Amino acid sequence: MPGGRKSKVSEFIDSFLYDRGWVEKQFETHVIVDDVQRDTPTHKIDCLKNRVALEIEWNNKDPFYDRDLNNFRLLFDLQAISVGVIITRCDELQDIFNDLGRGSSYGNSTTHMAKLLPRIEGGSGAGCPLIVFGITKSLYLEDDI
């Protein structure tokens, strides 16, 4: 994550996918107007493979969704990707974070499904097909160590 540290969840998912041929990718794009070229680099995609762009938003501020969806829209319009995928957490995980005494670190202004879905329903991804995965409470395994 530029300017920050990735969460353990993001690092785990990234590592799993990188081991299977996915790569982090920043596209070099340019706009030419009257023979004047302007570089317009995109935000890096967390994981890319076979025109599938995947972003992991675990505990960032919710405007990161705007950045991801805009990036998907642009790259889809430029025919660089075919689909955008976002992995995030479902709202119900807040109960677990509260029980673990970490609830304040995962507040209402961070990335979770209730912050993502209204953006998608409002058309933020434009024409880019989207797949969204929400990690639920049922996936939590308590570590006895």
C-alpha atoms as a PDB file:
ATOM      1  CA  MET A   1       0.000   0.000   0.000  1.00  0.00           C
ATOM      2  CA  PRO A   2       1.629   3.269  -1.063  1.00  0.00           C
ATOM      3  CA  GLY A   3       2.576   5.371   1.940  1.00  0.00           C
ATOM      4  CA  GLY A   4       1.436   2.772   4.407  1.00  0.00           C
ATOM      5  CA  ARG A   5       1.682  -0.722   5.742  1.00  0.00           C
ATOM      6  CA  LYS A   6      -0.434  -3.583   4.444  1.00  0.00           C
ATOM      7  CA  SER A   7      -2.580  -5.508   6.889  1.00  0.00           C
ATOM      8  CA  LYS A   8      -1.761  -9.129   7.651  1.00  0.00           C
ATOM      9  CA  VAL A   9      -4.938 -10.128   5.807  1.00  0.00           C
ATOM     10  CA  SER A  10      -3.844  -8.245   2.674  1.00  0.00           C
ATOM     11  CA  GLU A  11      -0.337  -9.666   2.892  1.00  0.00           C
ATOM     12  CA  PHE A  12      -1.725 -13.211   3.232  1.00  0.00           C
ATOM     13  CA  ILE A  13      -4.039 -12.869   0.234  1.00  0.00           C
ATOM     14  CA  ASP A  14      -1.366 -11.126  -1.877  1.00  0.00           C
ATOM     15  CA  SER A  15       1.185 -13.840  -1.082  1.00  0.00           C
ATOM     16  CA  PHE A  16      -1.308 -16.602  -1.885  1.00  0.00           C
ATOM     17  CA  LEU A  17      -2.081 -15.040  -5.275  1.00  0.00           C
ATOM     18  CA  TYR A  18       1.518 -14.075  -6.130  1.00  0.00           C
ATOM     19  CA  ASP A  19       2.494 -17.719  -5.605  1.00  0.00           C
ATOM     20  CA  ARG A  20      -0.051 -18.556  -8.313  1.00  0.00           C
ATOM     21  CA  GLY A  21       1.171 -16.129 -10.957  1.00  0.00           C
ATOM     22  CA  TRP A  22      -0.717 -12.956 -10.048  1.00  0.00           C
ATOM     23  CA  VAL A  23       1.320  -9.728 -10.088  1.00  0.00           C
ATOM     24  CA  GLU A  24       1.071  -6.204  -8.743  1.00  0.00           C
ATOM     25  CA  LYS A  25       0.676  -3.931 -11.751  1.00  0.00           C
ATOM     26  CA  GLN A  26       0.707  -0.240 -12.536  1.00  0.00           C
ATOM     27  CA  PHE A  27      -0.342   0.598 -16.079  1.00  0.00           C
ATOM     28  CA  GLU A  28       1.428   3.296 -18.047  1.00  0.00           C
ATOM     29  CA  THR A  29      -1.213   5.328 -19.834  1.00  0.00           C
ATOM     30  CA  HIS A  30      -0.922   8.515 -21.863  1.00  0.00           C
ATOM     31  CA  VAL A  31      -3.284  11.103 -23.268  1.00  0.00           C
ATOM     32  CA  ILE A  32      -2.339  12.873 -26.487  1.00  0.00           C
ATOM     33  CA  VAL A  33      -3.995  16.158 -27.395  1.00  0.00           C
ATOM     34  CA  ASP A  34      -2.743  18.050 -30.465  1.00  0.00           C
ATOM     35  CA  ASP A  35       0.518  16.094 -30.482  1.00  0.00           C
ATOM     36  CA  VAL A  36       1.143  16.896 -26.801  1.00  0.00           C
ATOM     37  CA  GLN A  37       1.481  13.749 -24.717  1.00  0.00           C
ATOM     38  CA  ARG A  38       0.640  13.752 -21.032  1.00  0.00           C
ATOM     39  CA  ASP A  39       1.493  10.795 -18.847  1.00  0.00           C
ATOM     40  CA  THR A  40      -1.506   9.585 -16.837  1.00  0.00           C
ATOM     41  CA  PRO A  41      -0.296   6.664 -14.728  1.00  0.00           C
ATOM     42  CA  THR A  42      -2.888   4.582 -12.945  1.00  0.00           C
ATOM     43  CA  HIS A  43      -2.958   3.499  -9.341  1.00  0.00           C
ATOM     44  CA  LYS A  44      -1.239   0.132  -8.827  1.00  0.00           C
ATOM     45  CA  ILE A  45      -3.521  -2.876  -8.929  1.00  0.00           C
ATOM     46  CA  ASP A  46      -2.851  -5.200  -5.940  1.00  0.00           C
ATOM     47  CA  CYS A  47      -3.099  -8.370  -8.038  1.00  0.00           C
ATOM     48  CA  LEU A  48      -3.571  -8.847 -11.784  1.00  0.00           C
ATOM     49  CA  LYS A  49      -3.796 -11.965 -13.904  1.00  0.00           C
ATOM     50  CA  ASN A  50      -5.457 -12.658 -17.260  1.00  0.00           C
ATOM     51  CA  ARG A  51      -7.122  -9.197 -17.357  1.00  0.00           C
ATOM     52  CA  VAL A  52      -8.667  -9.725 -13.897  1.00  0.00           C
ATOM     53  CA  ALA A  53      -7.805  -6.833 -11.569  1.00  0.00           C
ATOM     54  CA  LEU A  54      -8.123  -7.541  -7.849  1.00  0.00           C
ATOM     55  CA  GLU A  55      -7.964  -5.082  -4.955  1.00  0.00           C
ATOM     56  CA  ILE A  56      -7.889  -6.005  -1.263  1.00  0.00           C
ATOM     57  CA  GLU A  57      -9.409  -3.364   0.996  1.00  0.00           C
ATOM     58  CA  TRP A  58      -9.217  -4.582   4.553  1.00  0.00           C
ATOM     59  CA  ASN A  59      -8.832  -1.621   6.888  1.00  0.00           C
ATOM     60  CA  ASN A  60      -8.243   1.494   4.807  1.00  0.00           C
ATOM     61  CA  LYS A  61     -10.284   4.675   4.842  1.00  0.00           C
ATOM     62  CA  ASP A  62     -13.406   4.205   2.732  1.00  0.00           C
ATOM     63  CA  PRO A  63     -12.380   6.727  -0.016  1.00  0.00           C
ATOM     64  CA  PHE A  64      -9.969   4.002  -1.184  1.00  0.00           C
ATOM     65  CA  TYR A  65     -13.049   2.377  -2.734  1.00  0.00           C
ATOM     66  CA  ASP A  66     -13.528   5.472  -4.921  1.00  0.00           C
ATOM     67  CA  ARG A  67      -9.925   5.203  -6.094  1.00  0.00           C
ATOM     68  CA  ASP A  68     -10.273   1.465  -6.860  1.00  0.00           C
ATOM     69  CA  LEU A  69     -13.595   1.789  -8.683  1.00  0.00           C
ATOM     70  CA  ASN A  70     -12.357   4.725 -10.751  1.00  0.00           C
ATOM     71  CA  ASN A  71      -9.210   2.791 -11.639  1.00  0.00           C
ATOM     72  CA  PHE A  72     -11.294  -0.231 -12.688  1.00  0.00           C
ATOM     73  CA  ARG A  73     -13.543   2.013 -14.805  1.00  0.00           C
ATOM     74  CA  LEU A  74     -10.598   3.639 -16.572  1.00  0.00           C
ATOM     75  CA  LEU A  75      -8.720   0.394 -17.206  1.00  0.00           C
ATOM     76  CA  PHE A  76     -11.892  -1.318 -18.439  1.00  0.00           C
ATOM     77  CA  ASP A  77     -12.630   1.584 -20.801  1.00  0.00           C
ATOM     78  CA  LEU A  78      -9.059   1.329 -22.118  1.00  0.00           C
ATOM     79  CA  GLN A  79      -9.583  -2.437 -22.615  1.00  0.00           C
ATOM     80  CA  ALA A  80      -6.716  -3.242 -20.232  1.00  0.00           C
ATOM     81  CA  ILE A  81      -8.881  -5.312 -17.856  1.00  0.00           C
ATOM     82  CA  SER A  82     -12.056  -7.356 -18.261  1.00  0.00           C
ATOM     83  CA  VAL A  83     -13.300  -7.392 -14.669  1.00  0.00           C
ATOM     84  CA  GLY A  84     -12.565  -5.749 -11.326  1.00  0.00           C
ATOM     85  CA  VAL A  85     -12.624  -7.714  -8.060  1.00  0.00           C
ATOM     86  CA  ILE A  86     -12.676  -6.303  -4.543  1.00  0.00           C
ATOM     87  CA  ILE A  87     -12.119  -8.374  -1.417  1.00  0.00           C
ATOM     88  CA  THR A  88     -13.220  -6.611   1.757  1.00  0.00           C
ATOM     89  CA  ARG A  89     -14.842  -7.360   5.084  1.00  0.00           C
ATOM     90  CA  CYS A  90     -18.508  -7.694   5.874  1.00  0.00           C
ATOM     91  CA  ASP A  91     -19.913  -5.312   8.473  1.00  0.00           C
ATOM     92  CA  GLU A  92     -20.567  -8.191  10.883  1.00  0.00           C
ATOM     93  CA  LEU A  93     -16.830  -8.600  11.540  1.00  0.00           C
ATOM     94  CA  GLN A  94     -17.059  -5.476  13.699  1.00  0.00           C
ATOM     95  CA  ASP A  95     -18.546  -7.691  16.446  1.00  0.00           C
ATOM     96  CA  ILE A  96     -15.411  -9.836  16.465  1.00  0.00           C
ATOM     97  CA  PHE A  97     -13.118  -6.793  16.497  1.00  0.00           C
ATOM     98  CA  ASN A  98     -15.097  -5.354  19.413  1.00  0.00           C
ATOM     99  CA  ASP A  99     -14.855  -8.666  21.330  1.00  0.00           C
ATOM    100  CA  LEU A 100     -11.084  -8.691  20.741  1.00  0.00           C
ATOM    101  CA  GLY A 101     -10.757  -5.137  22.038  1.00  0.00           C
ATOM    102  CA  ARG A 102      -9.751  -3.874  18.571  1.00  0.00           C
ATOM    103  CA  GLY A 103     -13.076  -2.343  17.563  1.00  0.00           C
ATOM    104  CA  SER A 104     -11.827   1.241  17.555  1.00  0.00           C
ATOM    105  CA  SER A 105      -9.174   0.306  14.961  1.00  0.00           C
ATOM    106  CA  TYR A 106     -11.898  -0.887  12.568  1.00  0.00           C
ATOM    107  CA  GLY A 107     -14.367   1.955  12.748  1.00  0.00           C
ATOM    108  CA  ASN A 108     -17.251   3.125  10.621  1.00  0.00           C
ATOM    109  CA  SER A 109     -15.045   5.193   8.282  1.00  0.00           C
ATOM    110  CA  THR A 110     -12.896   2.208   7.274  1.00  0.00           C
ATOM    111  CA  THR A 111     -13.447  -0.152   4.359  1.00  0.00           C
ATOM    112  CA  HIS A 112     -16.326  -2.570   4.796  1.00  0.00           C
ATOM    113  CA  MET A 113     -19.278  -3.733   2.736  1.00  0.00           C
ATOM    114  CA  ALA A 114     -21.725  -1.023   3.899  1.00  0.00           C
ATOM    115  CA  LYS A 115     -19.321   1.592   2.512  1.00  0.00           C
ATOM    116  CA  LEU A 116     -18.738  -0.221  -0.791  1.00  0.00           C
ATOM    117  CA  LEU A 117     -22.200  -1.295  -1.938  1.00  0.00           C
ATOM    118  CA  PRO A 118     -23.757   2.210  -2.146  1.00  0.00           C
ATOM    119  CA  ARG A 119     -20.852   3.290  -4.357  1.00  0.00           C
ATOM    120  CA  ILE A 120     -21.394   0.354  -6.700  1.00  0.00           C
ATOM    121  CA  GLU A 121     -25.176   0.814  -6.721  1.00  0.00           C
ATOM    122  CA  GLY A 122     -24.583   4.498  -7.523  1.00  0.00           C
ATOM    123  CA  GLY A 123     -22.609   3.571 -10.637  1.00  0.00           C
ATOM    124  CA  SER A 124     -19.060   4.252  -9.429  1.00  0.00           C
ATOM    125  CA  GLY A 125     -17.625   1.322 -11.369  1.00  0.00           C
ATOM    126  CA  ALA A 126     -19.344   2.609 -14.532  1.00  0.00           C
ATOM    127  CA  GLY A 127     -19.367  -0.160 -17.146  1.00  0.00           C
ATOM    128  CA  CYS A 128     -16.663  -2.330 -15.595  1.00  0.00           C
ATOM    129  CA  PRO A 129     -18.033  -5.703 -14.480  1.00  0.00           C
ATOM    130  CA  LEU A 130     -17.401  -6.130 -10.759  1.00  0.00           C
ATOM    131  CA  ILE A 131     -17.164  -9.078  -8.396  1.00  0.00           C
ATOM    132  CA  VAL A 132     -17.136  -8.306  -4.684  1.00  0.00           C
ATOM    133  CA  PHE A 133     -16.253 -10.733  -1.902  1.00  0.00           C
ATOM    134  CA  GLY A 134     -17.070  -9.943   1.705  1.00  0.00           C
ATOM    135  CA  ILE A 135     -15.284 -11.851   4.456  1.00  0.00           C
ATOM    136  CA  THR A 136     -17.869 -12.945   7.049  1.00  0.00           C
ATOM    137  CA  LYS A 137     -17.818 -13.953  10.719  1.00  0.00           C
ATOM    138  CA  SER A 138     -18.155 -17.606   9.735  1.00  0.00           C
ATOM    139  CA  LEU A 139     -14.576 -17.523   8.381  1.00  0.00           C
ATOM    140  CA  TYR A 140     -13.082 -16.479  11.714  1.00  0.00           C
ATOM    141  CA  LEU A 141     -11.104 -19.165  13.530  1.00  0.00           C
ATOM    142  CA  GLU A 142     -10.046 -18.314  17.057  1.00  0.00           C
ATOM    143  CA  ASP A 143      -6.340 -18.923  17.626  1.00  0.00           C
ATOM    144  CA  ASP A 144      -5.701 -20.635  20.957  1.00  0.00           C
ATOM    145  CA  ILE A 145      -2.029 -19.665  20.967  1.00  0.00           C
END
